[in-house]
Amino acid sequence: MKNVILLTIDTLRKDALGIYNNNEENLTPFLNSLVKHALIFTRFHSSGPYTQASFPGILTSSYYLEYGKLQKLSPRRLLISEALQKENITTAAFHSNPYISDYFGWNRGWDIFYDSMQDEVSDMIPYVMGDQVNRKVKSWLEQYVQSDNKKPFFLWTHYMDVHEPYMPKKQYLQLVDPSISLNEQEMFDLFKNTLLKRDISDSKAVNLLRNLYRAGVRETDEYVKEFFNILKQNHVLENSIIIITTDHGDEFGEHQSLSHDGKMYSELIDSPFIIIDFQREKKEPCNNLVSNVDIAPTILYLFGLSQEEKFEGGSLLPIDQYQERGVFGEAIGKTGNHEKPTDLPVYYYREDNIKIICYQDGERWEIYDLEKDPEEKNNLIDSHPRTEELKERLLPRINRWKNN
């Protein structure tokens, strides 16, 4: 039985990867090199546009508001780590995102759980960086392979380095755009004065933020390379399946804002998802319409385990047996890092190339034909022939959390 490794990269836009966007092939040279061993999903969706809304899909195969509007992880959710641990599979997690920390209830079912909450960080870089996370992984993995424990393992690693405030190291900024010369304080001022204020009035500042973000992607590609080298040095790479994805994307003015707020547009929810198996001899695209609630069931499948009744998704593998259905997501329509009591839910549902969105501030609806209008500029809610049908698909899920 192979090990399964889940590598999630916070805030990683799909179009930032050369695998999906030839114009950005220089941002991710290492990830691009894995293509020949990859199953590449082209229509993969996050179930929410920010961490709190998306990670329940990734690790519990359930939706953000399934058990009410709670700050902490509901005890009624089943983490993939819990499902695996009861089957005698070693579970380990290493990350630096406070929203998925022990404090919020995510440390369940893990044999080792590092969330970095005891580490010192700064306002400029408010998370433990990828190279430090890798060192934690390396230390654990060396002990694991040297022990008598021969059980397969599930390893989840999460990087925050692409995330705002966008503070890439100088050498990566030079690789992305040699004309940019900013010190750390200048980068941080852009974050405080432009991004935090969601101010897109200065196109030059927005473009600088985008390039800082792109440099962060280039830097993180190096951390991924280092991570794979750690796996190789410990002789577990060939006997592991590696899943690479994100929780959500980021906006750079596409829908009149910055960062990742409570919106359901493509720049935030159309996500990268690849499965690496070094026994695979060539790349294989998969065009199934799928969701991040399918990740945990896929992990169970890879370990040869039965599916869990609590999981709402289905295994993506084998791909020819996947039961395609529409994809759904939900969040609180907040702006910025903190929800206000007046913030209301927002939902989306996609079927084929049609997406419907509902903002619950007076039942405001949008419909987009993603084939004809991939940038989601032309709202067809008053003219699309499937408006009422798609509303009926989404309405049963709207407001259901109030009854829990």
Protein backbone atom coordinates (compact mmCIF):
# COMPACT_ATOMS: atom_id res chain seq x y z
CA MET A 1 0.00 0.00 0.00
CA LYS A 2 1.35 3.41 -0.96
CA ASN A 3 1.60 6.46 1.26
CA VAL A 4 -0.64 9.41 0.40
CA ILE A 5 0.64 12.97 0.66
CA LEU A 6 -1.53 16.06 0.41
CA LEU A 7 0.32 19.30 -0.33
CA THR A 8 -1.86 22.40 -0.19
CA ILE A 9 -0.57 25.83 -1.16
CA ASP A 10 -2.63 28.65 0.29
CA THR A 11 -4.08 31.26 -2.11
CA LEU A 12 -2.65 29.64 -5.26
CA ARG A 13 -4.44 30.80 -8.40
CA LYS A 14 -4.91 28.18 -11.06
CA ASP A 15 -3.58 30.49 -13.77
CA ALA A 16 -0.35 31.03 -11.83
CA LEU A 17 0.78 27.49 -12.67
CA GLY A 18 2.56 26.77 -15.92
CA ILE A 19 0.72 23.44 -15.99
CA TYR A 20 -2.48 25.38 -16.67
CA ASN A 21 -1.19 28.61 -18.21
CA ASN A 22 1.66 28.60 -20.71
CA ASN A 23 2.15 32.33 -20.17
CA GLU A 24 3.28 31.61 -16.61
CA GLU A 25 5.47 28.58 -17.26
CA ASN A 26 8.50 30.30 -15.74
CA LEU A 27 6.78 30.77 -12.36
CA THR A 28 6.64 27.06 -11.54
CA PRO A 29 9.53 25.25 -13.23
CA PHE A 30 9.64 22.43 -10.70
CA LEU A 31 5.91 21.81 -10.67
CA ASN A 32 5.98 21.88 -14.47
CA SER A 33 8.62 19.14 -14.42
CA LEU A 34 6.17 16.79 -12.70
CA VAL A 35 3.68 16.92 -15.57
CA LYS A 36 4.67 13.61 -17.14
CA HIS A 37 3.72 11.85 -13.90
CA ALA A 38 0.52 13.82 -13.35
CA LEU A 39 -3.20 13.35 -13.57
CA ILE A 40 -4.30 16.96 -14.14
CA PHE A 41 -7.83 18.03 -13.33
CA THR A 42 -8.93 20.93 -15.51
CA ARG A 43 -12.32 21.69 -13.88
CA PHE A 44 -11.66 21.44 -10.17
CA HIS A 45 -13.48 23.78 -7.78
CA SER A 46 -12.99 24.95 -4.23
CA SER A 47 -16.09 24.86 -2.05
CA GLY A 48 -15.36 28.34 -0.72
CA PRO A 49 -13.31 31.46 -1.56
CA TYR A 50 -11.24 31.68 1.63
CA THR A 51 -9.64 29.27 4.11
CA GLN A 52 -12.47 28.92 6.64
CA ALA A 53 -14.99 28.22 3.88
CA SER A 54 -12.80 25.92 1.79
CA PHE A 55 -10.92 23.67 4.21
CA PRO A 56 -14.02 21.85 5.51
CA GLY A 57 -14.33 20.59 1.94
CA ILE A 58 -10.69 19.52 1.73
CA LEU A 59 -10.28 17.70 5.04
CA THR A 60 -13.85 16.78 6.05
CA SER A 61 -15.67 16.42 2.69
CA SER A 62 -18.41 18.75 3.89
CA TYR A 63 -19.49 22.33 3.31
CA TYR A 64 -18.73 25.39 5.39
CA LEU A 65 -22.25 26.03 6.73
CA GLU A 66 -23.29 22.40 6.97
CA TYR A 67 -23.49 22.50 10.77
CA GLY A 68 -24.28 26.15 11.27
CA LYS A 69 -22.27 29.35 11.34
CA LEU A 70 -19.61 28.16 13.78
CA GLN A 71 -16.16 29.59 14.43
CA LYS A 72 -14.67 26.24 15.44
CA LEU A 73 -14.79 22.91 13.64
CA SER A 74 -18.02 21.12 14.53
CA PRO A 75 -17.52 17.83 16.41
CA ARG A 76 -20.05 16.39 13.98
CA ARG A 77 -17.58 16.70 11.11
CA LEU A 78 -15.28 13.77 10.38
CA LEU A 79 -11.71 14.69 9.50
CA ILE A 80 -9.88 12.51 6.99
CA SER A 81 -7.20 12.07 9.67
CA GLU A 82 -9.77 10.52 12.02
CA ALA A 83 -11.01 8.16 9.33
CA LEU A 84 -7.46 7.04 8.56
CA GLN A 85 -6.21 6.80 12.13
CA LYS A 86 -8.92 4.31 13.05
CA GLU A 87 -7.61 2.16 10.17
CA ASN A 88 -4.12 2.13 11.70
CA ILE A 89 -2.62 4.56 9.20
CA THR A 90 -0.08 7.05 10.55
CA THR A 91 -1.22 10.66 10.17
CA ALA A 92 0.96 13.77 10.24
CA ALA A 93 0.23 17.45 9.56
CA PHE A 94 2.55 20.46 9.20
CA HIS A 95 1.24 23.95 8.45
CA SER A 96 1.13 27.60 9.53
CA ASN A 97 -2.43 28.81 9.06
CA PRO A 98 -4.21 29.93 12.25
CA TYR A 99 -7.68 29.29 10.83
CA ILE A 100 -6.96 25.55 10.64
CA SER A 101 -5.06 25.34 13.91
CA ASP A 102 -5.65 23.31 17.07
CA TYR A 103 -7.43 26.33 18.56
CA PHE A 104 -10.19 26.00 15.96
CA GLY A 105 -10.49 22.24 16.42
CA TRP A 106 -8.47 20.88 13.50
CA ASN A 107 -6.12 18.75 15.64
CA ARG A 108 -8.21 15.58 15.60
CA GLY A 109 -6.97 12.23 14.41
CA TRP A 110 -3.35 13.30 13.90
CA ASP A 111 -0.41 11.37 15.32
CA ILE A 112 1.58 14.56 14.92
CA PHE A 113 0.08 18.00 14.31
CA TYR A 114 2.29 21.07 13.89
CA ASP A 115 0.37 24.32 13.40
CA SER A 116 3.17 26.76 14.32
CA MET A 117 0.95 28.68 16.73
CA GLN A 118 3.70 28.70 19.35
CA ASP A 119 6.27 30.14 16.93
CA GLU A 120 7.10 33.81 16.78
CA VAL A 121 6.13 35.61 13.58
CA SER A 122 6.06 39.25 12.50
CA ASP A 123 3.46 41.58 11.03
CA MET A 124 5.37 41.59 7.77
CA ILE A 125 5.55 37.79 7.54
CA PRO A 126 2.75 36.52 9.81
CA TYR A 127 3.36 32.83 9.20
CA VAL A 128 6.12 30.25 9.33
CA MET A 129 7.67 30.06 5.87
CA GLY A 130 7.88 27.04 3.61
CA ASP A 131 11.51 26.20 4.25
CA GLN A 132 10.84 26.07 8.00
CA VAL A 133 7.78 23.88 7.46
CA ASN A 134 9.95 21.61 5.31
CA ARG A 135 12.46 21.26 8.13
CA LYS A 136 9.67 20.07 10.42
CA VAL A 137 8.59 17.54 7.80
CA LYS A 138 12.18 16.38 7.29
CA SER A 139 12.73 15.83 11.02
CA TRP A 140 9.53 13.82 11.38
CA LEU A 141 10.06 11.78 8.22
CA GLU A 142 13.64 10.83 9.12
CA GLN A 143 12.43 9.51 12.48
CA TYR A 144 9.53 7.71 10.83
CA VAL A 145 11.60 5.83 8.23
CA GLN A 146 14.23 4.89 10.82
CA SER A 147 11.66 3.46 13.20
CA ASP A 148 10.23 -0.03 13.15
CA ASN A 149 6.88 1.44 12.14
CA LYS A 150 6.14 0.15 8.66
CA LYS A 151 2.56 1.37 8.48
CA PRO A 152 1.70 3.55 5.50
CA PHE A 153 1.32 7.20 6.31
CA PHE A 154 -0.86 10.15 5.33
CA LEU A 155 1.09 13.41 5.34
CA TRP A 156 -0.55 16.81 4.92
CA THR A 157 1.70 19.83 4.38
CA HIS A 158 0.44 23.37 3.82
CA TYR A 159 2.43 26.44 2.70
CA MET A 160 1.41 30.05 3.35
CA ASP A 161 4.10 31.81 1.30
CA VAL A 162 1.89 32.88 -1.61
CA HIS A 163 -0.53 34.57 0.80
CA GLU A 164 -0.61 38.31 1.47
CA PRO A 165 1.10 40.50 2.64
CA TYR A 166 3.14 39.35 -0.43
CA MET A 167 6.68 39.56 0.90
CA PRO A 168 8.79 37.48 -1.51
CA LYS A 169 12.53 37.23 -1.15
CA LYS A 170 14.45 39.61 -3.41
CA GLN A 171 15.92 36.94 -5.69
CA TYR A 172 12.47 35.68 -6.65
CA LEU A 173 11.15 39.17 -7.31
CA GLN A 174 14.12 39.70 -9.62
CA LEU A 175 13.27 36.50 -11.48
CA VAL A 176 9.71 37.66 -12.02
CA ASP A 177 10.42 41.31 -12.91
CA PRO A 178 13.98 42.68 -12.69
CA SER A 179 12.65 46.23 -13.05
CA ILE A 180 11.02 46.12 -9.62
CA SER A 181 13.16 47.27 -6.73
CA LEU A 182 11.22 47.32 -3.47
CA ASN A 183 12.45 46.81 0.06
CA GLU A 184 10.39 44.99 2.66
CA GLN A 185 8.89 48.16 4.09
CA GLU A 186 7.76 49.30 0.65
CA MET A 187 6.15 45.91 0.00
CA PHE A 188 4.39 46.06 3.35
CA ASP A 189 3.17 49.62 2.68
CA LEU A 190 1.55 48.37 -0.53
CA PHE A 191 -0.24 45.75 1.51
CA LYS A 192 -1.43 48.24 4.15
CA ASN A 193 -2.34 51.13 1.88
CA THR A 194 -3.70 49.33 -1.17
CA LEU A 195 -4.63 45.71 -0.51
CA LEU A 196 -6.11 46.08 2.96
CA LYS A 197 -8.18 49.02 1.75
CA ARG A 198 -9.28 47.05 -1.34
CA ASP A 199 -8.21 50.11 -3.35
CA ILE A 200 -7.93 49.33 -7.08
CA SER A 201 -7.89 52.96 -8.21
CA ASP A 202 -4.12 52.92 -8.84
CA SER A 203 -3.49 50.35 -11.58
CA LYS A 204 0.27 50.60 -11.08
CA ALA A 205 -0.06 49.62 -7.40
CA VAL A 206 -2.39 46.73 -8.28
CA ASN A 207 0.10 45.50 -10.87
CA LEU A 208 2.91 45.69 -8.32
CA LEU A 209 0.85 43.59 -5.91
CA ARG A 210 0.23 41.04 -8.66
CA ASN A 211 3.95 40.80 -9.38
CA LEU A 212 4.77 40.43 -5.68
CA TYR A 213 2.22 37.62 -5.62
CA ARG A 214 3.78 36.01 -8.70
CA ALA A 215 7.21 36.20 -7.06
CA GLY A 216 5.72 34.40 -4.07
CA VAL A 217 4.54 31.64 -6.40
CA ARG A 218 8.06 31.36 -7.83
CA GLU A 219 9.51 31.18 -4.33
CA THR A 220 7.01 28.54 -3.24
CA ASP A 221 7.92 26.41 -6.26
CA GLU A 222 11.39 26.14 -4.70
CA TYR A 223 9.87 24.99 -1.42
CA VAL A 224 7.89 22.34 -3.30
CA LYS A 225 11.12 21.20 -4.98
CA GLU A 226 12.81 20.98 -1.58
CA PHE A 227 9.82 19.05 -0.23
CA PHE A 228 10.06 16.48 -3.01
CA ASN A 229 13.81 16.16 -2.40
CA ILE A 230 13.08 15.40 1.26
CA LEU A 231 10.71 12.64 0.18
CA LYS A 232 13.31 11.29 -2.24
CA GLN A 233 16.17 11.38 0.26
CA ASN A 234 14.06 9.37 2.69
CA HIS A 235 13.17 6.83 -0.01
CA VAL A 236 9.42 7.37 0.15
CA LEU A 237 8.84 9.30 -3.08
CA GLU A 238 8.40 6.30 -5.38
CA ASN A 239 6.03 4.65 -2.93
CA SER A 240 3.77 7.66 -2.47
CA ILE A 241 0.89 9.33 -4.26
CA ILE A 242 1.13 13.11 -3.99
CA ILE A 243 -1.93 15.35 -4.32
CA ILE A 244 -1.27 19.06 -4.92
CA THR A 245 -3.96 21.72 -4.67
CA THR A 246 -5.00 24.94 -2.93
CA ASP A 247 -7.79 26.19 -0.71
CA HIS A 248 -8.68 29.17 -2.96
CA GLY A 249 -7.25 31.77 -5.31
CA ASP A 250 -6.77 35.54 -5.12
CA GLU A 251 -8.24 38.59 -6.84
CA PHE A 252 -6.35 41.41 -8.50
CA GLY A 253 -9.19 43.67 -9.56
CA GLU A 254 -11.06 41.16 -11.72
CA HIS A 255 -14.29 41.89 -9.85
CA GLN A 256 -13.43 45.30 -8.46
CA SER A 257 -11.43 44.27 -5.43
CA LEU A 258 -8.28 42.61 -4.10
CA SER A 259 -7.42 39.60 -1.92
CA HIS A 260 -10.04 36.85 -1.37
CA ASP A 261 -13.35 37.97 0.03
CA GLY A 262 -16.76 36.34 0.04
CA LYS A 263 -17.20 36.05 -3.72
CA MET A 264 -17.69 33.03 -5.96
CA TYR A 265 -15.88 34.00 -9.14
CA SER A 266 -13.37 31.94 -11.07
CA GLU A 267 -10.24 33.70 -9.82
CA LEU A 268 -11.12 32.49 -6.32
CA ILE A 269 -12.77 29.09 -6.76
CA ASP A 270 -11.44 27.56 -10.01
CA SER A 271 -8.47 25.77 -8.52
CA PRO A 272 -5.48 23.65 -9.51
CA PHE A 273 -5.60 19.97 -8.64
CA ILE A 274 -3.03 17.38 -9.71
CA ILE A 275 -2.26 13.84 -8.57
CA ILE A 276 1.38 12.76 -8.94
CA ASP A 277 2.29 9.08 -9.27
CA PHE A 278 5.83 8.31 -10.39
CA GLN A 279 4.64 5.03 -11.88
CA ARG A 280 2.64 7.10 -14.38
CA GLU A 281 4.56 7.46 -17.64
CA LYS A 282 2.74 10.41 -19.21
CA LYS A 283 0.48 13.25 -18.24
CA GLU A 284 -3.24 12.71 -18.36
CA PRO A 285 -5.85 15.48 -18.30
CA CYS A 286 -9.21 14.92 -16.63
CA ASN A 287 -12.07 17.19 -17.63
CA ASN A 288 -14.59 15.96 -15.07
CA LEU A 289 -16.35 18.74 -13.16
CA VAL A 290 -15.21 18.08 -9.59
CA SER A 291 -14.99 19.67 -6.14
CA ASN A 292 -12.64 19.73 -3.19
CA VAL A 293 -15.22 17.75 -1.19
CA ASP A 294 -14.00 14.86 -3.36
CA ILE A 295 -10.46 14.98 -1.93
CA ALA A 296 -11.01 13.05 1.31
CA PRO A 297 -12.99 10.25 -0.42
CA THR A 298 -10.18 10.00 -3.00
CA ILE A 299 -7.63 9.60 -0.22
CA LEU A 300 -9.69 6.76 1.26
CA TYR A 301 -9.79 5.12 -2.17
CA LEU A 302 -6.01 5.40 -2.55
CA PHE A 303 -5.58 3.57 0.76
CA GLY A 304 -8.05 0.90 -0.36
CA LEU A 305 -10.57 1.85 2.33
CA SER A 306 -14.34 1.98 2.26
CA GLN A 307 -16.05 5.33 1.88
CA GLU A 308 -17.38 7.19 4.92
CA GLU A 309 -21.08 7.95 5.13
CA LYS A 310 -20.42 11.42 6.53
CA PHE A 311 -18.37 12.44 3.50
CA GLU A 312 -20.46 14.37 0.98
CA GLY A 313 -18.09 13.98 -1.96
CA GLY A 314 -17.05 10.93 -3.94
CA SER A 315 -13.72 9.45 -4.98
CA LEU A 316 -12.27 10.98 -8.11
CA LEU A 317 -10.67 7.65 -8.92
CA PRO A 318 -11.00 5.65 -11.05
CA ILE A 319 -11.77 8.65 -13.26
CA ASP A 320 -13.94 6.64 -15.64
CA GLN A 321 -16.22 5.65 -12.77
CA TYR A 322 -16.63 9.10 -11.25
CA GLN A 323 -20.28 10.09 -11.00
CA GLU A 324 -20.21 13.66 -12.27
CA ARG A 325 -22.67 16.07 -10.75
CA GLY A 326 -22.86 19.77 -10.26
CA VAL A 327 -20.41 21.46 -7.88
CA PHE A 328 -21.49 23.64 -4.99
CA GLY A 329 -19.90 26.13 -2.62
CA GLU A 330 -20.83 28.50 0.15
CA ALA A 331 -19.31 31.18 2.35
CA ILE A 332 -20.14 34.28 4.33
CA GLY A 333 -20.04 37.29 2.03
CA LYS A 334 -17.49 39.14 4.11
CA THR A 335 -14.89 41.72 3.12
CA GLY A 336 -11.54 41.59 4.87
CA ASN A 337 -10.41 39.23 7.60
CA HIS A 338 -13.28 39.63 10.03
CA GLU A 339 -16.95 38.83 9.67
CA LYS A 340 -19.52 41.40 10.77
CA PRO A 341 -22.93 40.46 12.20
CA THR A 342 -24.49 41.88 9.05
CA ASP A 343 -22.47 39.64 6.72
CA LEU A 344 -24.76 37.18 4.94
CA PRO A 345 -24.12 33.91 3.11
CA VAL A 346 -23.22 33.62 -0.56
CA TYR A 347 -23.62 30.41 -2.58
CA TYR A 348 -22.75 29.06 -6.01
CA TYR A 349 -23.69 26.05 -8.07
CA ARG A 350 -22.13 25.01 -11.36
CA GLU A 351 -23.36 22.50 -13.89
CA ASP A 352 -21.58 22.03 -17.23
CA ASN A 353 -20.39 25.54 -18.13
CA ILE A 354 -23.19 27.43 -16.38
CA LYS A 355 -22.72 28.92 -12.92
CA ILE A 356 -25.39 30.47 -10.72
CA ILE A 357 -24.53 32.63 -7.69
CA CYS A 358 -26.85 33.78 -4.92
CA TYR A 359 -25.96 36.65 -2.56
CA GLN A 360 -28.38 36.55 0.30
CA ASP A 361 -28.69 40.27 0.75
CA GLY A 362 -32.19 40.42 -0.68
CA GLU A 363 -31.93 37.33 -2.90
CA ARG A 364 -29.55 38.83 -5.48
CA TRP A 365 -28.77 36.31 -8.24
CA GLU A 366 -26.22 36.03 -11.04
CA ILE A 367 -25.79 33.50 -13.87
CA TYR A 368 -22.75 33.20 -16.14
CA ASP A 369 -22.05 31.17 -19.26
CA LEU A 370 -18.42 30.28 -18.55
CA GLU A 371 -17.72 29.05 -22.06
CA LYS A 372 -18.74 32.33 -23.70
CA ASP A 373 -17.89 34.57 -20.75
CA PRO A 374 -14.98 33.06 -18.75
CA GLU A 375 -14.32 36.35 -16.94
CA GLU A 376 -17.91 36.42 -15.62
CA LYS A 377 -18.75 39.93 -16.77
CA ASN A 378 -22.19 39.39 -18.32
CA ASN A 379 -24.88 38.46 -15.80
CA LEU A 380 -27.61 36.47 -17.62
CA ILE A 381 -30.01 36.12 -14.71
CA ASP A 382 -32.88 37.84 -16.56
CA SER A 383 -32.42 36.04 -19.88
CA HIS A 384 -30.86 32.61 -19.42
CA PRO A 385 -33.27 29.75 -20.26
CA ARG A 386 -32.09 27.69 -17.27
CA THR A 387 -32.51 30.41 -14.63
CA GLU A 388 -35.44 28.86 -12.79
CA GLU A 389 -34.02 25.33 -13.05
CA LEU A 390 -30.68 26.35 -11.54
CA LYS A 391 -32.35 28.38 -8.82
CA GLU A 392 -34.25 25.26 -7.84
CA ARG A 393 -30.98 23.32 -7.61
CA LEU A 394 -29.48 25.85 -5.23
CA LEU A 395 -32.47 26.86 -3.10
CA PRO A 396 -32.58 23.70 -0.92
CA ARG A 397 -29.15 24.54 0.47
CA ILE A 398 -29.78 28.22 1.10
CA ASN A 399 -30.36 29.13 4.76
CA ARG A 400 -30.45 25.48 5.87
CA TRP A 401 -27.80 26.26 8.54
CA LYS A 402 -30.33 28.37 10.45
CA ASN A 403 -32.22 25.19 11.30
CA ASN A 404 -29.18 23.36 12.75
